[in-house]
């Protein structure tokens, strides 16, 4: 069963969510960098017909990739523990499940926004974002 957030609960989590987003982006960047370097080494070996790469460099890149993968996994698990939904890492798009008129909807926040000022129906996604107004606030609640 999903956790439902009030607007205040979700906004209180934004500093932690921003930290997790930064961590995820750093781990993803390190992973992608190590992966690209390993692929480049493999391509050079194939093109030269069997060149022997520096083993220490390959081991270092594999270790970087493994550490980054573990960091990514841990940060994603932290998102899951909080109960919010990471929708797009590059955009920094995060949804917080809530209830509006008895139906599950999402409080929607994007990295760089000062606070949570939008919501949308589950099926509408980011393109269906609507401003949080007094009508929404009067019919919204965080728990079932």
Protein backbone atom coordinates (compact mmCIF):
# COMPACT_ATOMS: atom_id res chain seq x y z
CA UNK A 1 0.00 0.00 0.00
CA UNK A 2 1.49 3.36 -0.98
CA UNK A 3 2.24 6.04 1.54
CA UNK A 4 0.15 9.15 1.10
CA UNK A 5 1.64 12.56 1.87
CA UNK A 6 0.17 15.85 2.93
CA UNK A 7 1.60 18.86 1.15
CA UNK A 8 3.50 19.84 4.32
CA UNK A 9 4.95 16.33 4.75
CA UNK A 10 6.12 16.25 1.13
CA UNK A 11 7.67 19.72 1.29
CA UNK A 12 9.49 18.82 4.51
CA UNK A 13 11.19 15.98 2.60
CA UNK A 14 12.45 18.18 -0.26
CA UNK A 15 15.95 18.77 1.22
CA UNK A 16 16.46 15.00 1.57
CA UNK A 17 15.01 14.37 -1.90
CA UNK A 18 17.36 17.00 -3.39
CA UNK A 19 20.33 15.33 -1.68
CA UNK A 20 19.31 11.94 -3.04
CA UNK A 21 18.92 13.40 -6.54
CA UNK A 22 22.45 14.85 -6.34
CA UNK A 23 23.80 11.51 -5.16
CA UNK A 24 21.99 9.65 -7.93
CA UNK A 25 23.28 12.02 -10.60
CA UNK A 26 26.88 11.70 -9.31
CA UNK A 27 26.69 7.90 -9.17
CA UNK A 28 25.11 7.76 -12.64
CA UNK A 29 27.77 10.03 -14.07
CA UNK A 30 30.59 7.96 -12.53
CA UNK A 31 28.97 4.73 -13.73
CA UNK A 32 28.49 6.04 -17.27
CA UNK A 33 32.07 7.35 -17.37
CA UNK A 34 33.57 4.04 -16.25
CA UNK A 35 31.31 2.08 -18.59
CA UNK A 36 32.28 4.26 -21.58
CA UNK A 37 36.00 3.92 -20.77
CA UNK A 38 35.70 0.13 -20.52
CA UNK A 39 33.86 -0.02 -23.85
CA UNK A 40 36.54 2.16 -25.43
CA UNK A 41 39.26 -0.19 -24.18
CA UNK A 42 37.36 -3.20 -25.52
CA UNK A 43 36.93 -1.49 -28.89
CA UNK A 44 40.67 -0.70 -29.10
CA UNK A 45 41.51 -4.32 -28.26
CA UNK A 46 39.17 -5.50 -31.03
CA UNK A 47 40.51 -3.01 -33.57
CA UNK A 48 44.16 -3.80 -32.88
CA UNK A 49 43.60 -7.51 -32.98
CA UNK A 50 44.47 -8.30 -29.40
CA UNK A 51 46.26 -5.39 -27.72
CA UNK A 52 46.71 -6.05 -24.02
CA UNK A 53 45.18 -3.24 -21.95
CA UNK A 54 46.63 -2.08 -18.65
CA UNK A 55 45.13 -4.46 -16.11
CA UNK A 56 45.31 -1.95 -13.28
CA UNK A 57 43.30 0.59 -15.31
CA UNK A 58 40.68 -1.99 -16.25
CA UNK A 59 40.41 -3.13 -12.62
CA UNK A 60 40.09 0.49 -11.48
CA UNK A 61 37.31 1.18 -13.99
CA UNK A 62 35.45 -2.01 -13.06
CA UNK A 63 35.70 -1.09 -9.37
CA UNK A 64 34.40 2.43 -10.11
CA UNK A 65 31.51 0.96 -12.05
CA UNK A 66 30.67 -1.49 -9.23
CA UNK A 67 30.84 1.18 -6.52
CA UNK A 68 28.65 3.49 -8.60
CA UNK A 69 26.11 0.73 -9.25
CA UNK A 70 25.88 0.01 -5.52
CA UNK A 71 25.47 3.74 -4.82
CA UNK A 72 22.69 3.99 -7.40
CA UNK A 73 20.92 0.98 -5.91
CA UNK A 74 21.18 2.37 -2.38
CA UNK A 75 19.87 5.82 -3.37
CA UNK A 76 16.93 4.29 -5.25
CA UNK A 77 16.15 2.16 -2.18
CA UNK A 78 16.14 5.35 -0.07
CA UNK A 79 13.58 6.88 -2.45
CA UNK A 80 11.46 3.76 -2.03
CA UNK A 81 11.74 3.94 1.77
CA UNK A 82 10.58 7.56 1.77
CA UNK A 83 7.60 6.60 -0.38
CA UNK A 84 8.02 9.18 -3.13
CA UNK A 85 8.40 8.25 -6.79
CA UNK A 86 11.39 9.24 -8.89
CA UNK A 87 9.92 9.85 -12.34
CA UNK A 88 12.86 11.37 -14.25
CA UNK A 89 16.40 11.63 -12.90
CA UNK A 90 17.64 14.05 -15.56
CA UNK A 91 14.76 16.47 -14.94
CA UNK A 92 14.80 15.79 -11.21
CA UNK A 93 11.10 14.96 -11.37
CA UNK A 94 9.58 13.47 -8.21
CA UNK A 95 5.97 12.63 -7.35
CA UNK A 96 4.46 12.24 -3.89
CA UNK A 97 1.27 10.16 -3.73
CA UNK A 98 -1.64 11.92 -2.02
CA UNK A 99 -5.42 11.75 -1.96
CA UNK A 100 -7.70 14.27 -3.64
CA UNK A 101 -11.45 13.79 -3.42
CA UNK A 102 -10.78 10.19 -2.32
CA UNK A 103 -8.67 9.37 -5.38
CA UNK A 104 -4.91 8.86 -5.56
CA UNK A 105 -3.11 11.72 -7.31
CA UNK A 106 0.45 13.03 -7.18
CA UNK A 107 1.97 16.13 -5.70
CA UNK A 108 4.53 16.95 -8.37
CA UNK A 109 7.92 18.60 -7.81
CA UNK A 110 10.78 19.27 -10.19
CA UNK A 111 14.35 20.00 -9.15
CA UNK A 112 14.91 23.74 -9.02
CA UNK A 113 11.37 24.56 -7.95
CA UNK A 114 11.21 26.35 -4.59
CA UNK A 115 8.42 24.12 -3.30
CA UNK A 116 5.61 21.85 -4.38
CA UNK A 117 3.10 23.98 -6.26
CA UNK A 118 1.66 21.44 -8.72
CA UNK A 119 -0.31 18.21 -8.69
CA UNK A 120 -1.61 15.84 -11.37
CA UNK A 121 -3.77 12.77 -11.82
CA UNK A 122 -1.84 9.49 -11.89
CA UNK A 123 -2.71 8.86 -15.54
CA UNK A 124 -1.88 12.41 -16.69
CA UNK A 125 1.76 12.61 -15.70
CA UNK A 126 3.95 15.70 -15.84
CA UNK A 127 2.13 17.19 -18.85
CA UNK A 128 -1.09 17.21 -16.85
CA UNK A 129 0.29 19.28 -13.97
CA UNK A 130 -2.16 21.68 -12.41
CA UNK A 131 -1.39 24.44 -9.91
CA UNK A 132 -2.22 23.68 -6.30
CA UNK A 133 -5.05 26.07 -5.47
CA UNK A 134 -7.46 26.55 -2.58
CA UNK A 135 -9.96 24.09 -4.09
CA UNK A 136 -7.29 21.38 -4.23
CA UNK A 137 -6.14 22.14 -0.69
CA UNK A 138 -9.67 21.95 0.69
CA UNK A 139 -10.22 18.47 -0.82
CA UNK A 140 -6.77 17.01 -0.32
CA UNK A 141 -5.52 14.86 2.49
CA UNK A 142 -2.42 12.79 3.00
CA UNK A 143 -3.77 9.62 4.55
CA UNK A 144 -6.50 7.18 3.69
